Amino acid sequence: MPTDLLLVDTRNGVTTLTFNHPRRLNGWTAPMLEALLETLPKIGQDGATKAVVITGKGEYYSAGVNLGGALKLDHPKRLHAFIVKHNQAIFDAFLDLDKPILVAANGPIIGAPVTSATLCDAIVASDRATFSTPFAKLGVTPEGCSSVHLPRLIGEASAQRMLGPEGWRPTAAEALDVGLIDEVVPHDDLQERAQAIAREWVAQGKGRAFRAGSTREELKAINATESLQLADAFLSAPFLKGQMRFLWAKGKRGPAAMFAGLWITSPVWRLLL
């Protein structure tokens, strides 16, 4: 697994994780997800780390999960279990990290990177950042505890705008206005400001906290439920067909063929679930 996909730098008690695949807009490919799942627990056990900053290199914080690359053709029952296990694991990794986490959103954030950011202690954003959770457009259910946690953060109406068919993508200023993020700074000042906040946390001895009155135990239970719902949605015929068309249009013939096979045979193999 390439170790340079996720850069790790610890100074003065602050560990900075940087998504380092700007050519792919820092998308959460399978190797990137593996790197996160390996690195986050290690940081939790690192005595030198008192606070964590997560950011991205280049123009994007992260363009989200690469569905075509993350899923492999398999028996439907095993594929369903794979989706449940891995979706639950990535958000649990954020929830279980017992060090305060600051997200420094250097640019657009899409999907799971948005919802995982809401599970952190705070979000400070560049004035170039935008926040998108296009689950309804993709034909899948909300994840990252967003079905419950996002309405608490930003209110039911704003949450439905983001999670529902409208697919509202707030700018950094709009995200600050509704309570999704905590601060907006000029783009060139973002990293300096993030480090300053994290160093202040270290000086204060700040512990891990969850926003909007949510608790770790409650969020983990929500994550488990959403992961099952997401796996069901991923294996629904409309989603499989939509992914096939999307990937084919992008010229990704191999992944498109995988989704085509699952879609065509879905009336049969769904009886096996």
Foldseek 3Di string as FASTA:
>chain_A
DDLVQWDWDADLQEIETEREDVVQLSECAVVNLVNLLVPLVVLLVDPSHQEYEYAYPDAFRYPYHPVLRRADFDQLVVRLVVLLVSLLSSLLSLLVRWHAYEYETLAEDEAPVLLSNLFGPFYEYAQRYKYWHAQVVLQFAHASLLVPSVCLQQNDVVSCCRRHPVGDIDGPVVCCVRRSGPYYDHNVCRVVVVVVVRSVCVVVSDITDHPSPDHSVVSSVSNSVRSSRRSVRCLDLVNLQVVLVVCVVVVNNPSSVSSVVSNVCVVPSVVVD
